[in-house]
Amino acid sequence: MKKIKKDLDKERREFIKKSTLVGAGIAAAAVAPGAATAGVSVDKSEDKQQKGYQLTPHVIEYYKSLAN
C-alpha cells in the first residue's frame, strides 16, 4: 500500500515539474516576440515622404485602363 502511494507521489511531482516547464515556455514565447519588435527602429525620413495620396505612374495607368 505504501509503495503505491510513493509511486503516486512521484508521478505527481513529475507532472508538476513538467507543467512548470511548459508554463515557463509559454510565458517566454509570449514575451519574446514583443521584445524582438521593441528593438525595431523606424526611419523618420521615410515617414515624411509617405504622407498623403501618391499619384504614381502605376496609379495613372490603372485610371487610364478604367476609362477605356
C-alpha atoms as a PDB file:
ATOM      1  CA  MET A   1       0.000   0.000   0.000  1.00  0.00           C
ATOM      2  CA  LYS A   2       2.812   2.415   0.858  1.00  0.00           C
ATOM      3  CA  LYS A   3       4.589   1.603  -2.397  1.00  0.00           C
ATOM      4  CA  ILE A   4       1.524   2.635  -4.403  1.00  0.00           C
ATOM      5  CA  LYS A   5       1.364   5.929  -2.503  1.00  0.00           C
ATOM      6  CA  LYS A   6       5.072   6.583  -3.153  1.00  0.00           C
ATOM      7  CA  ASP A   7       4.565   5.893  -6.868  1.00  0.00           C
ATOM      8  CA  LEU A   8       1.629   8.306  -6.991  1.00  0.00           C
ATOM      9  CA  ASP A   9       3.638  10.966  -5.184  1.00  0.00           C
ATOM     10  CA  LYS A  10       6.484  10.531  -7.674  1.00  0.00           C
ATOM     11  CA  GLU A  11       4.072  10.834 -10.609  1.00  0.00           C
ATOM     12  CA  ARG A  12       2.543  13.976  -9.139  1.00  0.00           C
ATOM     13  CA  ARG A  13       5.971  15.544  -8.689  1.00  0.00           C
ATOM     14  CA  GLU A  14       6.894  14.742 -12.280  1.00  0.00           C
ATOM     15  CA  PHE A  15       3.631  16.242 -13.501  1.00  0.00           C
ATOM     16  CA  ILE A  16       4.237  19.439 -11.545  1.00  0.00           C
ATOM     17  CA  LYS A  17       7.809  19.699 -12.877  1.00  0.00           C
ATOM     18  CA  LYS A  18       6.676  19.232 -16.467  1.00  0.00           C
ATOM     19  CA  SER A  19       3.740  21.625 -16.195  1.00  0.00           C
ATOM     20  CA  THR A  20       6.040  24.261 -14.685  1.00  0.00           C
ATOM     21  CA  LEU A  21       8.432  23.908 -17.609  1.00  0.00           C
ATOM     22  CA  VAL A  22       5.583  24.139 -20.118  1.00  0.00           C
ATOM     23  CA  GLY A  23       4.223  27.225 -18.387  1.00  0.00           C
ATOM     24  CA  ALA A  24       7.633  28.882 -18.434  1.00  0.00           C
ATOM     25  CA  GLY A  25       7.994  28.057 -22.124  1.00  0.00           C
ATOM     26  CA  ILE A  26       4.625  29.595 -22.940  1.00  0.00           C
ATOM     27  CA  ALA A  27       5.473  32.719 -20.954  1.00  0.00           C
ATOM     28  CA  ALA A  28       8.821  33.047 -22.734  1.00  0.00           C
ATOM     29  CA  ALA A  29       7.176  32.620 -26.130  1.00  0.00           C
ATOM     30  CA  ALA A  30       4.615  35.286 -25.282  1.00  0.00           C
ATOM     31  CA  VAL A  31       7.260  37.767 -24.156  1.00  0.00           C
ATOM     32  CA  ALA A  32       9.915  37.080 -26.813  1.00  0.00           C
ATOM     33  CA  PRO A  33       8.038  38.446 -29.879  1.00  0.00           C
ATOM     34  CA  GLY A  34       7.284  41.686 -28.044  1.00  0.00           C
ATOM     35  CA  ALA A  35      10.904  42.098 -27.092  1.00  0.00           C
ATOM     36  CA  ALA A  36      12.046  41.437 -30.650  1.00  0.00           C
ATOM     37  CA  THR A  37       9.750  44.043 -32.152  1.00  0.00           C
ATOM     38  CA  ALA A  38      10.543  46.606 -29.480  1.00  0.00           C
ATOM     39  CA  GLY A  39      14.084  46.935 -30.838  1.00  0.00           C
ATOM     40  CA  VAL A  40      12.997  47.820 -34.375  1.00  0.00           C
ATOM     41  CA  SER A  41      13.624  51.473 -35.196  1.00  0.00           C
ATOM     42  CA  VAL A  42      11.616  53.430 -37.735  1.00  0.00           C
ATOM     43  CA  ASP A  43      13.428  55.753 -40.100  1.00  0.00           C
ATOM     44  CA  LYS A  44      11.894  59.217 -39.728  1.00  0.00           C
ATOM     45  CA  SER A  45      12.771  60.314 -43.273  1.00  0.00           C
ATOM     46  CA  GLU A  46      10.599  57.560 -44.777  1.00  0.00           C
ATOM     47  CA  ASP A  47       7.586  58.693 -42.755  1.00  0.00           C
ATOM     48  CA  LYS A  48       7.846  62.241 -44.101  1.00  0.00           C
ATOM     49  CA  GLN A  49       7.974  61.047 -47.717  1.00  0.00           C
ATOM     50  CA  GLN A  50       4.904  58.799 -47.429  1.00  0.00           C
ATOM     51  CA  LYS A  51       2.313  61.420 -46.446  1.00  0.00           C
ATOM     52  CA  GLY A  52      -0.904  61.716 -48.392  1.00  0.00           C
ATOM     53  CA  TYR A  53      -2.070  60.205 -51.659  1.00  0.00           C
ATOM     54  CA  GLN A  54       0.702  59.290 -54.087  1.00  0.00           C
ATOM     55  CA  LEU A  55      -0.124  59.623 -57.789  1.00  0.00           C
ATOM     56  CA  THR A  56       2.425  57.230 -59.252  1.00  0.00           C
ATOM     57  CA  PRO A  57       2.749  56.038 -62.849  1.00  0.00           C
ATOM     58  CA  HIS A  58       1.208  52.737 -61.820  1.00  0.00           C
ATOM     59  CA  VAL A  59      -1.898  54.514 -60.480  1.00  0.00           C
ATOM     60  CA  ILE A  60      -2.173  56.668 -63.608  1.00  0.00           C
ATOM     61  CA  GLU A  61      -2.108  53.544 -65.791  1.00  0.00           C
ATOM     62  CA  TYR A  62      -4.817  51.992 -63.653  1.00  0.00           C
ATOM     63  CA  TYR A  63      -7.113  55.007 -64.088  1.00  0.00           C
ATOM     64  CA  LYS A  64      -6.449  55.023 -67.832  1.00  0.00           C
ATOM     65  CA  SER A  65      -7.447  51.366 -68.058  1.00  0.00           C
ATOM     66  CA  LEU A  66     -10.731  52.140 -66.295  1.00  0.00           C
ATOM     67  CA  ALA A  67     -11.550  54.929 -68.737  1.00  0.00           C
ATOM     68  CA  ASN A  68     -11.308  52.600 -71.761  1.00  0.00           C
END
